[in-house]
């Protein structure tokens, strides 16, 4: 599968052959859904915690008379209605992550890349590097490429000036090829890959 390669200025700069096994799969929504759930569950902190009834040490003496008090018949001061009391069955610290086979994770990334190709939302550029970290200049270059809400995946490392310039542009993310993931790819409308990123992803997934 051949695709045109452009420069940041929007000019044509040759073409590149894409691996069909990585970029030509038929996207499966169920696989993508499983992977997104896996990523979001893994990043969930799970450190929410409240004091529970069993962690409170208070007197168990009856608060008032059983009858004639004109109020509820409370028998314990550790309930949540009273000061110093605690909640019954409150949230506890736990790990929200779950296991997903490595083959399924790799398949999901291939399907995410293929979905961008199928919907014509993949743009390939020769390099993601700028001489100076000027946000206005980079925004103009991206507009020429048709990128208004996108993810830029560079090679093994991200150009420092490019990262600084992109930092102030809304709806734009920048990742290295090793950090490319399903959630970030699907979150943005356009996917911009450098030639180095294409080679890295093909080596990683083929």
C-alpha atoms as a PDB file:
ATOM      1  CA  UNK A   1       0.000   0.000   0.000  1.00  0.00           C
ATOM      2  CA  UNK A   2       1.567   3.274  -1.138  1.00  0.00           C
ATOM      3  CA  UNK A   3       1.019   6.649   0.509  1.00  0.00           C
ATOM      4  CA  UNK A   4       2.354  10.083  -0.299  1.00  0.00           C
ATOM      5  CA  UNK A   5       4.854  11.688   2.055  1.00  0.00           C
ATOM      6  CA  UNK A   6       4.654  15.425   2.706  1.00  0.00           C
ATOM      7  CA  UNK A   7       6.837  17.998   4.379  1.00  0.00           C
ATOM      8  CA  UNK A   8       5.645  20.140   7.278  1.00  0.00           C
ATOM      9  CA  UNK A   9       5.176  22.914   4.728  1.00  0.00           C
ATOM     10  CA  UNK A  10       2.573  20.777   2.922  1.00  0.00           C
ATOM     11  CA  UNK A  11       4.719  19.941  -0.134  1.00  0.00           C
ATOM     12  CA  UNK A  12       5.025  16.447  -1.585  1.00  0.00           C
ATOM     13  CA  UNK A  13       8.204  14.611  -0.625  1.00  0.00           C
ATOM     14  CA  UNK A  14       7.991  11.185  -2.247  1.00  0.00           C
ATOM     15  CA  UNK A  15       6.025   8.152  -1.122  1.00  0.00           C
ATOM     16  CA  UNK A  16       6.276   5.234   1.293  1.00  0.00           C
ATOM     17  CA  UNK A  17       5.109   1.612   1.159  1.00  0.00           C
ATOM     18  CA  UNK A  18       2.934   0.671   4.146  1.00  0.00           C
ATOM     19  CA  UNK A  19       2.899  -2.877   5.482  1.00  0.00           C
ATOM     20  CA  UNK A  20      -0.536  -4.401   4.820  1.00  0.00           C
ATOM     21  CA  UNK A  21      -0.383  -6.484   8.008  1.00  0.00           C
ATOM     22  CA  UNK A  22      -0.014  -3.310  10.111  1.00  0.00           C
ATOM     23  CA  UNK A  23      -2.006  -0.700   8.183  1.00  0.00           C
ATOM     24  CA  UNK A  24      -4.363  -2.830   6.081  1.00  0.00           C
ATOM     25  CA  UNK A  25      -6.358  -4.795   8.660  1.00  0.00           C
ATOM     26  CA  UNK A  26     -10.149  -4.630   8.856  1.00  0.00           C
ATOM     27  CA  UNK A  27     -10.814  -2.655  12.089  1.00  0.00           C
ATOM     28  CA  UNK A  28     -12.797  -4.503  14.741  1.00  0.00           C
ATOM     29  CA  UNK A  29     -14.718  -2.307  17.169  1.00  0.00           C
ATOM     30  CA  UNK A  30     -14.789  -4.981  19.866  1.00  0.00           C
ATOM     31  CA  UNK A  31     -10.982  -5.247  19.948  1.00  0.00           C
ATOM     32  CA  UNK A  32     -10.572  -1.453  20.035  1.00  0.00           C
ATOM     33  CA  UNK A  33     -13.183  -1.201  22.803  1.00  0.00           C
ATOM     34  CA  UNK A  34     -11.407  -3.834  24.922  1.00  0.00           C
ATOM     35  CA  UNK A  35      -8.080  -2.016  24.526  1.00  0.00           C
ATOM     36  CA  UNK A  36      -9.471   1.417  25.415  1.00  0.00           C
ATOM     37  CA  UNK A  37     -11.125  -0.040  28.534  1.00  0.00           C
ATOM     38  CA  UNK A  38      -7.820  -1.725  29.434  1.00  0.00           C
ATOM     39  CA  UNK A  39      -5.874   1.539  29.102  1.00  0.00           C
ATOM     40  CA  UNK A  40      -8.364   3.664  31.046  1.00  0.00           C
ATOM     41  CA  UNK A  41      -8.668   1.074  33.833  1.00  0.00           C
ATOM     42  CA  UNK A  42      -4.890   0.834  34.118  1.00  0.00           C
ATOM     43  CA  UNK A  43      -4.457   4.585  34.539  1.00  0.00           C
ATOM     44  CA  UNK A  44      -7.288   4.862  37.116  1.00  0.00           C
ATOM     45  CA  UNK A  45      -5.712   5.631  40.501  1.00  0.00           C
ATOM     46  CA  UNK A  46      -8.007   3.656  42.773  1.00  0.00           C
ATOM     47  CA  UNK A  47      -6.719   5.395  45.909  1.00  0.00           C
ATOM     48  CA  UNK A  48     -10.195   6.514  47.085  1.00  0.00           C
ATOM     49  CA  UNK A  49     -10.787   5.501  50.683  1.00  0.00           C
ATOM     50  CA  UNK A  50     -13.081   6.440  53.578  1.00  0.00           C
ATOM     51  CA  UNK A  51     -13.134   5.356  57.189  1.00  0.00           C
ATOM     52  CA  UNK A  52     -15.448   2.387  57.738  1.00  0.00           C
ATOM     53  CA  UNK A  53     -17.459   1.238  60.748  1.00  0.00           C
ATOM     54  CA  UNK A  54     -14.934  -1.411  61.729  1.00  0.00           C
ATOM     55  CA  UNK A  55     -12.130   1.190  61.882  1.00  0.00           C
ATOM     56  CA  UNK A  56     -13.889   3.395  64.431  1.00  0.00           C
ATOM     57  CA  UNK A  57     -13.529   2.771  68.158  1.00  0.00           C
ATOM     58  CA  UNK A  58     -16.397   4.415  70.046  1.00  0.00           C
ATOM     59  CA  UNK A  59     -18.536   3.484  73.023  1.00  0.00           C
ATOM     60  CA  UNK A  60     -21.264   0.935  72.388  1.00  0.00           C
ATOM     61  CA  UNK A  61     -23.371   2.257  75.239  1.00  0.00           C
ATOM     62  CA  UNK A  62     -26.935   3.075  74.245  1.00  0.00           C
ATOM     63  CA  UNK A  63     -27.177   6.802  73.462  1.00  0.00           C
ATOM     64  CA  UNK A  64     -30.651   7.321  74.899  1.00  0.00           C
ATOM     65  CA  UNK A  65     -33.622   5.471  76.223  1.00  0.00           C
ATOM     66  CA  UNK A  66     -35.256   2.834  74.076  1.00  0.00           C
ATOM     67  CA  UNK A  67     -38.626   4.563  74.422  1.00  0.00           C
ATOM     68  CA  UNK A  68     -39.871   7.998  75.316  1.00  0.00           C
ATOM     69  CA  UNK A  69     -36.959   9.989  73.938  1.00  0.00           C
ATOM     70  CA  UNK A  70     -38.856  11.318  70.951  1.00  0.00           C
ATOM     71  CA  UNK A  71     -35.963  10.435  68.593  1.00  0.00           C
ATOM     72  CA  UNK A  72     -34.659   7.393  66.768  1.00  0.00           C
ATOM     73  CA  UNK A  73     -33.541   4.438  68.878  1.00  0.00           C
ATOM     74  CA  UNK A  74     -29.795   4.693  68.296  1.00  0.00           C
ATOM     75  CA  UNK A  75     -27.678   1.948  69.798  1.00  0.00           C
ATOM     76  CA  UNK A  76     -24.196   2.836  68.511  1.00  0.00           C
ATOM     77  CA  UNK A  77     -22.238   6.087  68.238  1.00  0.00           C
ATOM     78  CA  UNK A  78     -20.006   4.929  65.359  1.00  0.00           C
ATOM     79  CA  UNK A  79     -22.668   5.382  62.675  1.00  0.00           C
ATOM     80  CA  UNK A  80     -22.251   8.056  60.006  1.00  0.00           C
ATOM     81  CA  UNK A  81     -25.037  10.251  61.452  1.00  0.00           C
ATOM     82  CA  UNK A  82     -22.880  11.218  64.450  1.00  0.00           C
ATOM     83  CA  UNK A  83     -19.690  13.181  64.700  1.00  0.00           C
ATOM     84  CA  UNK A  84     -16.673  10.859  64.529  1.00  0.00           C
ATOM     85  CA  UNK A  85     -18.783   8.116  62.965  1.00  0.00           C
ATOM     86  CA  UNK A  86     -17.950   6.207  59.800  1.00  0.00           C
ATOM     87  CA  UNK A  87     -19.595   4.941  56.639  1.00  0.00           C
ATOM     88  CA  UNK A  88     -20.704   1.353  56.213  1.00  0.00           C
ATOM     89  CA  UNK A  89     -19.274  -0.405  53.130  1.00  0.00           C
ATOM     90  CA  UNK A  90     -17.486   2.700  51.831  1.00  0.00           C
ATOM     91  CA  UNK A  91     -14.993   2.779  48.928  1.00  0.00           C
ATOM     92  CA  UNK A  92     -11.670   1.034  49.524  1.00  0.00           C
ATOM     93  CA  UNK A  93      -8.273   1.412  47.848  1.00  0.00           C
ATOM     94  CA  UNK A  94      -7.913  -1.103  45.040  1.00  0.00           C
ATOM     95  CA  UNK A  95      -6.311  -1.729  41.685  1.00  0.00           C
ATOM     96  CA  UNK A  96      -8.764  -1.216  38.798  1.00  0.00           C
ATOM     97  CA  UNK A  97      -6.514  -2.734  36.121  1.00  0.00           C
ATOM     98  CA  UNK A  98      -7.158  -6.099  34.506  1.00  0.00           C
ATOM     99  CA  UNK A  99      -5.139  -8.389  32.264  1.00  0.00           C
ATOM    100  CA  UNK A 100      -5.295  -8.339  28.482  1.00  0.00           C
ATOM    101  CA  UNK A 101      -3.133 -10.693  26.369  1.00  0.00           C
ATOM    102  CA  UNK A 102      -0.178  -9.124  24.596  1.00  0.00           C
ATOM    103  CA  UNK A 103      -1.387 -10.447  21.227  1.00  0.00           C
ATOM    104  CA  UNK A 104      -4.734  -8.683  21.693  1.00  0.00           C
ATOM    105  CA  UNK A 105      -2.967  -5.423  22.581  1.00  0.00           C
ATOM    106  CA  UNK A 106      -0.791  -5.633  19.471  1.00  0.00           C
ATOM    107  CA  UNK A 107      -3.831  -6.470  17.350  1.00  0.00           C
ATOM    108  CA  UNK A 108      -5.696  -3.463  18.756  1.00  0.00           C
ATOM    109  CA  UNK A 109      -2.851  -1.111  17.782  1.00  0.00           C
ATOM    110  CA  UNK A 110      -2.813  -2.543  14.245  1.00  0.00           C
ATOM    111  CA  UNK A 111      -6.579  -2.054  14.004  1.00  0.00           C
ATOM    112  CA  UNK A 112      -6.329   1.526  15.310  1.00  0.00           C
ATOM    113  CA  UNK A 113      -3.720   2.379  12.661  1.00  0.00           C
ATOM    114  CA  UNK A 114      -5.778   0.627   9.973  1.00  0.00           C
ATOM    115  CA  UNK A 115      -8.906   2.555  10.993  1.00  0.00           C
ATOM    116  CA  UNK A 116      -7.095   5.842  10.319  1.00  0.00           C
ATOM    117  CA  UNK A 117      -6.029   4.603   6.874  1.00  0.00           C
ATOM    118  CA  UNK A 118      -9.549   3.428   6.047  1.00  0.00           C
ATOM    119  CA  UNK A 119     -11.116   6.740   7.064  1.00  0.00           C
ATOM    120  CA  UNK A 120      -8.433   8.762   5.190  1.00  0.00           C
ATOM    121  CA  UNK A 121      -7.251  10.369   8.421  1.00  0.00           C
ATOM    122  CA  UNK A 122      -3.589   9.274   8.163  1.00  0.00           C
ATOM    123  CA  UNK A 123      -0.946  11.815   7.122  1.00  0.00           C
ATOM    124  CA  UNK A 124       2.719  10.902   6.650  1.00  0.00           C
ATOM    125  CA  UNK A 125       5.447  13.527   6.843  1.00  0.00           C
ATOM    126  CA  UNK A 126       9.174  13.196   6.293  1.00  0.00           C
ATOM    127  CA  UNK A 127      10.183  14.668   9.662  1.00  0.00           C
ATOM    128  CA  UNK A 128       8.693  16.468  12.692  1.00  0.00           C
ATOM    129  CA  UNK A 129      11.369  19.027  13.466  1.00  0.00           C
ATOM    130  CA  UNK A 130      11.425  22.835  13.461  1.00  0.00           C
ATOM    131  CA  UNK A 131      14.282  25.315  13.740  1.00  0.00           C
ATOM    132  CA  UNK A 132      12.660  27.421  16.475  1.00  0.00           C
ATOM    133  CA  UNK A 133       9.862  26.760  19.000  1.00  0.00           C
ATOM    134  CA  UNK A 134       7.386  29.192  17.413  1.00  0.00           C
ATOM    135  CA  UNK A 135       3.783  28.113  18.033  1.00  0.00           C
ATOM    136  CA  UNK A 136       2.286  30.428  15.384  1.00  0.00           C
ATOM    137  CA  UNK A 137       4.563  29.066  12.643  1.00  0.00           C
ATOM    138  CA  UNK A 138       3.839  25.443  13.520  1.00  0.00           C
ATOM    139  CA  UNK A 139       0.084  26.121  13.616  1.00  0.00           C
ATOM    140  CA  UNK A 140       0.220  27.527  10.072  1.00  0.00           C
ATOM    141  CA  UNK A 141       2.178  24.497   8.855  1.00  0.00           C
ATOM    142  CA  UNK A 142      -0.311  22.084  10.412  1.00  0.00           C
ATOM    143  CA  UNK A 143      -3.230  23.982   8.865  1.00  0.00           C
ATOM    144  CA  UNK A 144      -1.640  23.464   5.429  1.00  0.00           C
ATOM    145  CA  UNK A 145      -1.530  19.740   6.175  1.00  0.00           C
ATOM    146  CA  UNK A 146      -5.181  19.826   7.231  1.00  0.00           C
ATOM    147  CA  UNK A 147      -4.469  18.966  10.871  1.00  0.00           C
ATOM    148  CA  UNK A 148      -6.900  20.655  13.269  1.00  0.00           C
ATOM    149  CA  UNK A 149      -7.305  17.917  15.866  1.00  0.00           C
ATOM    150  CA  UNK A 150      -4.468  15.459  15.634  1.00  0.00           C
ATOM    151  CA  UNK A 151      -1.813  13.227  17.127  1.00  0.00           C
ATOM    152  CA  UNK A 152       1.762  13.531  15.850  1.00  0.00           C
ATOM    153  CA  UNK A 153       3.911  10.421  16.298  1.00  0.00           C
ATOM    154  CA  UNK A 154       7.622  11.036  15.743  1.00  0.00           C
ATOM    155  CA  UNK A 155      10.545   8.623  15.766  1.00  0.00           C
ATOM    156  CA  UNK A 156      12.430   7.299  18.783  1.00  0.00           C
ATOM    157  CA  UNK A 157      12.681  10.807  20.252  1.00  0.00           C
ATOM    158  CA  UNK A 158      10.649  14.003  19.977  1.00  0.00           C
ATOM    159  CA  UNK A 159      12.328  17.147  18.660  1.00  0.00           C
ATOM    160  CA  UNK A 160      12.552  19.592  21.574  1.00  0.00           C
ATOM    161  CA  UNK A 161      11.606  22.671  19.553  1.00  0.00           C
ATOM    162  CA  UNK A 162       8.668  20.837  17.953  1.00  0.00           C
ATOM    163  CA  UNK A 163       7.408  19.693  21.356  1.00  0.00           C
ATOM    164  CA  UNK A 164       7.609  23.237  22.782  1.00  0.00           C
ATOM    165  CA  UNK A 165       5.817  24.756  19.788  1.00  0.00           C
ATOM    166  CA  UNK A 166       3.085  22.100  19.867  1.00  0.00           C
ATOM    167  CA  UNK A 167       2.557  22.440  23.607  1.00  0.00           C
ATOM    168  CA  UNK A 168       0.440  25.603  23.209  1.00  0.00           C
ATOM    169  CA  UNK A 169      -1.704  24.326  20.329  1.00  0.00           C
ATOM    170  CA  UNK A 170      -5.088  22.999  21.497  1.00  0.00           C
ATOM    171  CA  UNK A 171      -6.247  19.542  20.371  1.00  0.00           C
ATOM    172  CA  UNK A 172      -2.720  18.476  19.414  1.00  0.00           C
ATOM    173  CA  UNK A 173      -0.709  15.685  21.046  1.00  0.00           C
ATOM    174  CA  UNK A 174       2.878  14.654  20.344  1.00  0.00           C
ATOM    175  CA  UNK A 175       4.281  11.206  21.147  1.00  0.00           C
ATOM    176  CA  UNK A 176       7.369   9.193  20.298  1.00  0.00           C
ATOM    177  CA  UNK A 177       6.895   5.960  18.342  1.00  0.00           C
ATOM    178  CA  UNK A 178       7.409   3.890  21.497  1.00  0.00           C
ATOM    179  CA  UNK A 179       4.535   5.760  23.188  1.00  0.00           C
ATOM    180  CA  UNK A 180       2.007   5.293  20.372  1.00  0.00           C
ATOM    181  CA  UNK A 181      -1.147   3.744  21.816  1.00  0.00           C
ATOM    182  CA  UNK A 182      -4.730   2.956  20.828  1.00  0.00           C
ATOM    183  CA  UNK A 183      -6.493   5.461  23.104  1.00  0.00           C
ATOM    184  CA  UNK A 184      -4.495   8.489  21.945  1.00  0.00           C
ATOM    185  CA  UNK A 185      -4.796   7.468  18.282  1.00  0.00           C
ATOM    186  CA  UNK A 186      -8.580   7.140  18.465  1.00  0.00           C
ATOM    187  CA  UNK A 187      -8.999  10.274  20.591  1.00  0.00           C
ATOM    188  CA  UNK A 188      -7.803  12.600  17.810  1.00  0.00           C
ATOM    189  CA  UNK A 189      -9.271  13.069  14.345  1.00  0.00           C
ATOM    190  CA  UNK A 190      -6.025  12.996  12.351  1.00  0.00           C
ATOM    191  CA  UNK A 191      -2.963  10.799  12.840  1.00  0.00           C
ATOM    192  CA  UNK A 192       0.357  12.239  11.636  1.00  0.00           C
ATOM    193  CA  UNK A 193       3.277   9.819  11.371  1.00  0.00           C
ATOM    194  CA  UNK A 194       6.869  10.545  10.398  1.00  0.00           C
ATOM    195  CA  UNK A 195       8.675   8.101   8.100  1.00  0.00           C
ATOM    196  CA  UNK A 196      10.749   7.009  11.085  1.00  0.00           C
ATOM    197  CA  UNK A 197       7.569   6.370  13.111  1.00  0.00           C
ATOM    198  CA  UNK A 198       6.171   4.225  10.277  1.00  0.00           C
ATOM    199  CA  UNK A 199       9.344   2.118  10.237  1.00  0.00           C
ATOM    200  CA  UNK A 200       9.329   1.787  14.050  1.00  0.00           C
ATOM    201  CA  UNK A 201       5.653   0.760  14.192  1.00  0.00           C
ATOM    202  CA  UNK A 202       6.067  -1.771  11.391  1.00  0.00           C
ATOM    203  CA  UNK A 203       9.078  -3.309  13.157  1.00  0.00           C
ATOM    204  CA  UNK A 204       7.102  -3.420  16.393  1.00  0.00           C
ATOM    205  CA  UNK A 205       3.876  -4.914  14.997  1.00  0.00           C
ATOM    206  CA  UNK A 206       4.683  -6.920  11.859  1.00  0.00           C
END
